[in-house]
Amino acid sequence: MTNEVTRERDRLAWEKRIARDRKNIRAVKWAERQADRLVARLAQRQHTSG
């Protein structure tokens, strides 16, 4: 029961944070750039290691 309550509280906190961040378009654009960079780095690592 406690784990369920904790998970639900955490989920709601993340949803609130995401909603707040979506209002800040600069934060969204920054996060998108970071995600693109991470994907590119992963692809490069897989290419060089494989």
PDB file of N, CA and C in Angstrom:
ATOM      1  N   MET A   1       0.834  -1.200   0.000  1.00  0.00           N
ATOM      2  CA  MET A   1       0.000   0.000   0.000  1.00  0.00           C
ATOM      3  C   MET A   1       0.866   1.246   0.000  1.00  0.00           C
ATOM      4  N   THR A   2       1.860   1.274   0.865  1.00  0.00           N
ATOM      5  CA  THR A   2       2.723   2.454   0.958  1.00  0.00           C
ATOM      6  C   THR A   2       3.478   2.683  -0.342  1.00  0.00           C
ATOM      7  N   ASN A   3       3.958   1.601  -0.967  1.00  0.00           N
ATOM      8  CA  ASN A   3       4.663   1.749  -2.235  1.00  0.00           C
ATOM      9  C   ASN A   3       3.752   2.341  -3.307  1.00  0.00           C
ATOM     10  N   GLU A   4       2.501   1.924  -3.320  1.00  0.00           N
ATOM     11  CA  GLU A   4       1.553   2.455  -4.297  1.00  0.00           C
ATOM     12  C   GLU A   4       1.334   3.948  -4.075  1.00  0.00           C
ATOM     13  N   VAL A   5       1.198   4.341  -2.828  1.00  0.00           N
ATOM     14  CA  VAL A   5       0.995   5.755  -2.504  1.00  0.00           C
ATOM     15  C   VAL A   5       2.228   6.559  -2.908  1.00  0.00           C
ATOM     16  N   THR A   6       3.402   6.023  -2.616  1.00  0.00           N
ATOM     17  CA  THR A   6       4.650   6.706  -2.967  1.00  0.00           C
ATOM     18  C   THR A   6       4.785   6.842  -4.474  1.00  0.00           C
ATOM     19  N   ARG A   7       4.504   5.759  -5.194  1.00  0.00           N
ATOM     20  CA  ARG A   7       4.596   5.809  -6.661  1.00  0.00           C
ATOM     21  C   ARG A   7       3.611   6.818  -7.250  1.00  0.00           C
ATOM     22  N   GLU A   8       2.400   6.828  -6.726  1.00  0.00           N
ATOM     23  CA  GLU A   8       1.398   7.770  -7.222  1.00  0.00           C
ATOM     24  C   GLU A   8       1.811   9.209  -6.929  1.00  0.00           C
ATOM     25  N   ARG A   9       2.330   9.454  -5.736  1.00  0.00           N
ATOM     26  CA  ARG A   9       2.794  10.794  -5.380  1.00  0.00           C
ATOM     27  C   ARG A   9       3.947  11.220  -6.287  1.00  0.00           C
ATOM     28  N   ASP A  10       4.890  10.313  -6.533  1.00  0.00           N
ATOM     29  CA  ASP A  10       6.013  10.621  -7.415  1.00  0.00           C
ATOM     30  C   ASP A  10       5.542  10.897  -8.840  1.00  0.00           C
ATOM     31  N   ARG A  11       4.591  10.076  -9.309  1.00  0.00           N
ATOM     32  CA  ARG A  11       4.069  10.264 -10.668  1.00  0.00           C
ATOM     33  C   ARG A  11       3.400  11.629 -10.802  1.00  0.00           C
ATOM     34  N   LEU A  12       2.610  11.994  -9.815  1.00  0.00           N
ATOM     35  CA  LEU A  12       1.934  13.289  -9.862  1.00  0.00           C
ATOM     36  C   LEU A  12       2.940  14.439  -9.805  1.00  0.00           C
ATOM     37  N   ALA A  13       3.994  14.269  -9.022  1.00  0.00           N
ATOM     38  CA  ALA A  13       5.024  15.311  -8.944  1.00  0.00           C
ATOM     39  C   ALA A  13       5.717  15.472 -10.295  1.00  0.00           C
ATOM     40  N   TRP A  14       6.018  14.348 -10.963  1.00  0.00           N
ATOM     41  CA  TRP A  14       6.653  14.436 -12.280  1.00  0.00           C
ATOM     42  C   TRP A  14       5.716  15.063 -13.297  1.00  0.00           C
ATOM     43  N   GLU A  15       4.446  14.695 -13.257  1.00  0.00           N
ATOM     44  CA  GLU A  15       3.490  15.288 -14.192  1.00  0.00           C
ATOM     45  C   GLU A  15       3.396  16.794 -13.985  1.00  0.00           C
ATOM     46  N   LYS A  16       3.401  17.222 -12.735  1.00  0.00           N
ATOM     47  CA  LYS A  16       3.351  18.651 -12.445  1.00  0.00           C
ATOM     48  C   LYS A  16       4.607  19.344 -12.974  1.00  0.00           C
ATOM     49  N   ARG A  17       5.746  18.725 -12.756  1.00  0.00           N
ATOM     50  CA  ARG A  17       7.013  19.310 -13.231  1.00  0.00           C
ATOM     51  C   ARG A  17       7.041  19.395 -14.752  1.00  0.00           C
ATOM     52  N   ILE A  18       6.598  18.334 -15.416  1.00  0.00           N
ATOM     53  CA  ILE A  18       6.573  18.329 -16.880  1.00  0.00           C
ATOM     54  C   ILE A  18       5.629  19.416 -17.400  1.00  0.00           C
ATOM     55  N   ALA A  19       4.460  19.533 -16.802  1.00  0.00           N
ATOM     56  CA  ALA A  19       3.500  20.558 -17.228  1.00  0.00           C
ATOM     57  C   ALA A  19       4.091  21.951 -17.046  1.00  0.00           C
ATOM     58  N   ARG A  20       4.767  22.167 -15.928  1.00  0.00           N
ATOM     59  CA  ARG A  20       5.390  23.467 -15.676  1.00  0.00           C
ATOM     60  C   ARG A  20       6.501  23.735 -16.679  1.00  0.00           C
ATOM     61  N   ASP A  21       7.322  22.722 -16.955  1.00  0.00           N
ATOM     62  CA  ASP A  21       8.417  22.882 -17.901  1.00  0.00           C
ATOM     63  C   ASP A  21       7.918  23.134 -19.316  1.00  0.00           C
ATOM     64  N   ARG A  22       6.801  22.525 -19.672  1.00  0.00           N
ATOM     65  CA  ARG A  22       6.258  22.724 -21.026  1.00  0.00           C
ATOM     66  C   ARG A  22       5.844  24.174 -21.247  1.00  0.00           C
ATOM     67  N   LYS A  23       5.532  24.864 -20.181  1.00  0.00           N
ATOM     68  CA  LYS A  23       5.184  26.280 -20.303  1.00  0.00           C
ATOM     69  C   LYS A  23       6.420  27.116 -20.609  1.00  0.00           C
ATOM     70  N   ASN A  24       7.589  26.578 -20.289  1.00  0.00           N
ATOM     71  CA  ASN A  24       8.839  27.284 -20.539  1.00  0.00           C
ATOM     72  C   ASN A  24       9.449  26.716 -21.816  1.00  0.00           C
ATOM     73  N   ILE A  25       9.145  27.332 -22.944  1.00  0.00           N
ATOM     74  CA  ILE A  25       9.552  26.808 -24.245  1.00  0.00           C
ATOM     75  C   ILE A  25      11.077  26.717 -24.361  1.00  0.00           C
ATOM     76  N   ARG A  26      11.795  27.611 -23.719  1.00  0.00           N
ATOM     77  CA  ARG A  26      13.256  27.542 -23.773  1.00  0.00           C
ATOM     78  C   ARG A  26      13.757  26.272 -23.094  1.00  0.00           C
ATOM     79  N   ALA A  27      13.135  25.889 -22.000  1.00  0.00           N
ATOM     80  CA  ALA A  27      13.525  24.657 -21.309  1.00  0.00           C
ATOM     81  C   ALA A  27      13.212  23.437 -22.172  1.00  0.00           C
ATOM     82  N   VAL A  28      12.085  23.474 -22.856  1.00  0.00           N
ATOM     83  CA  VAL A  28      11.706  22.366 -23.731  1.00  0.00           C
ATOM     84  C   VAL A  28      12.702  22.243 -24.874  1.00  0.00           C
ATOM     85  N   LYS A  29      13.040  23.352 -25.506  1.00  0.00           N
ATOM     86  CA  LYS A  29      13.988  23.327 -26.626  1.00  0.00           C
ATOM     87  C   LYS A  29      15.355  22.825 -26.166  1.00  0.00           C
ATOM     88  N   TRP A  30      15.801  23.260 -24.987  1.00  0.00           N
ATOM     89  CA  TRP A  30      17.080  22.809 -24.447  1.00  0.00           C
ATOM     90  C   TRP A  30      17.052  21.297 -24.227  1.00  0.00           C
ATOM     91  N   ALA A  31      15.983  20.798 -23.641  1.00  0.00           N
ATOM     92  CA  ALA A  31      15.866  19.363 -23.373  1.00  0.00           C
ATOM     93  C   ALA A  31      15.851  18.564 -24.670  1.00  0.00           C
ATOM     94  N   GLU A  32      15.189  19.090 -25.688  1.00  0.00           N
ATOM     95  CA  GLU A  32      15.161  18.410 -26.981  1.00  0.00           C
ATOM     96  C   GLU A  32      16.549  18.349 -27.596  1.00  0.00           C
ATOM     97  N   ARG A  33      17.306  19.440 -27.496  1.00  0.00           N
ATOM     98  CA  ARG A  33      18.684  19.446 -28.014  1.00  0.00           C
ATOM     99  C   ARG A  33      19.550  18.443 -27.269  1.00  0.00           C
ATOM    100  N   GLN A  34      19.384  18.393 -25.956  1.00  0.00           N
ATOM    101  CA  GLN A  34      20.168  17.446 -25.162  1.00  0.00           C
ATOM    102  C   GLN A  34      19.836  16.004 -25.561  1.00  0.00           C
ATOM    103  N   ALA A  35      18.561  15.726 -25.755  1.00  0.00           N
ATOM    104  CA  ALA A  35      18.154  14.376 -26.157  1.00  0.00           C
ATOM    105  C   ALA A  35      18.747  14.032 -27.518  1.00  0.00           C
ATOM    106  N   ASP A  36      18.725  14.972 -28.462  1.00  0.00           N
ATOM    107  CA  ASP A  36      19.310  14.738 -29.782  1.00  0.00           C
ATOM    108  C   ASP A  36      20.803  14.457 -29.669  1.00  0.00           C
ATOM    109  N   ARG A  37      21.490  15.211 -28.828  1.00  0.00           N
ATOM    110  CA  ARG A  37      22.932  15.004 -28.645  1.00  0.00           C
ATOM    111  C   ARG A  37      23.223  13.630 -28.051  1.00  0.00           C
ATOM    112  N   LEU A  38      22.408  13.216 -27.078  1.00  0.00           N
ATOM    113  CA  LEU A  38      22.619  11.905 -26.465  1.00  0.00           C
ATOM    114  C   LEU A  38      22.384  10.777 -27.466  1.00  0.00           C
ATOM    115  N   VAL A  39      21.371  10.917 -28.296  1.00  0.00           N
ATOM    116  CA  VAL A  39      21.083   9.905 -29.311  1.00  0.00           C
ATOM    117  C   VAL A  39      22.252   9.825 -30.298  1.00  0.00           C
ATOM    118  N   ALA A  40      22.764  10.982 -30.699  1.00  0.00           N
ATOM    119  CA  ALA A  40      23.888  11.002 -31.630  1.00  0.00           C
ATOM    120  C   ALA A  40      25.127  10.355 -31.011  1.00  0.00           C
ATOM    121  N   ARG A  41      25.393  10.647 -29.742  1.00  0.00           N
ATOM    122  CA  ARG A  41      26.543  10.043 -29.059  1.00  0.00           C
ATOM    123  C   ARG A  41      26.387   8.537 -28.950  1.00  0.00           C
ATOM    124  N   LEU A  42      25.194   8.079 -28.636  1.00  0.00           N
ATOM    125  CA  LEU A  42      24.942   6.650 -28.535  1.00  0.00           C
ATOM    126  C   LEU A  42      25.173   5.978 -29.889  1.00  0.00           C
ATOM    127  N   ALA A  43      24.655   6.577 -30.937  1.00  0.00           N
ATOM    128  CA  ALA A  43      24.833   6.005 -32.284  1.00  0.00           C
ATOM    129  C   ALA A  43      26.313   5.951 -32.652  1.00  0.00           C
ATOM    130  N   GLN A  44      27.049   6.997 -32.304  1.00  0.00           N
ATOM    131  CA  GLN A  44      28.484   7.031 -32.606  1.00  0.00           C
ATOM    132  C   GLN A  44      29.213   5.939 -31.825  1.00  0.00           C
ATOM    133  N   ARG A  45      28.882   5.773 -30.561  1.00  0.00           N
ATOM    134  CA  ARG A  45      29.521   4.729 -29.736  1.00  0.00           C
ATOM    135  C   ARG A  45      29.228   3.348 -30.290  1.00  0.00           C
ATOM    136  N   GLN A  46      27.980   3.126 -30.684  1.00  0.00           N
ATOM    137  CA  GLN A  46      27.618   1.820 -31.228  1.00  0.00           C
ATOM    138  C   GLN A  46      28.328   1.561 -32.549  1.00  0.00           C
ATOM    139  N   HIS A  47      28.507   2.594 -33.337  1.00  0.00           N
ATOM    140  CA  HIS A  47      29.182   2.462 -34.630  1.00  0.00           C
ATOM    141  C   HIS A  47      30.666   2.149 -34.438  1.00  0.00           C
ATOM    142  N   THR A  48      31.313   2.827 -33.487  1.00  0.00           N
ATOM    143  CA  THR A  48      32.739   2.624 -33.265  1.00  0.00           C
ATOM    144  C   THR A  48      33.030   1.323 -32.520  1.00  0.00           C
ATOM    145  N   SER A  49      32.088   0.854 -31.707  1.00  0.00           N
ATOM    146  CA  SER A  49      32.339  -0.373 -30.944  1.00  0.00           C
ATOM    147  C   SER A  49      31.903  -1.630 -31.696  1.00  0.00           C
ATOM    148  N   GLY A  50      31.076  -1.445 -32.705  1.00  0.00           N
ATOM    149  CA  GLY A  50      30.503  -2.614 -33.355  1.00  0.00           C
ATOM    150  C   GLY A  50      31.098  -2.900 -34.664  1.00  0.00           C
TER     151      GLY A  50
END
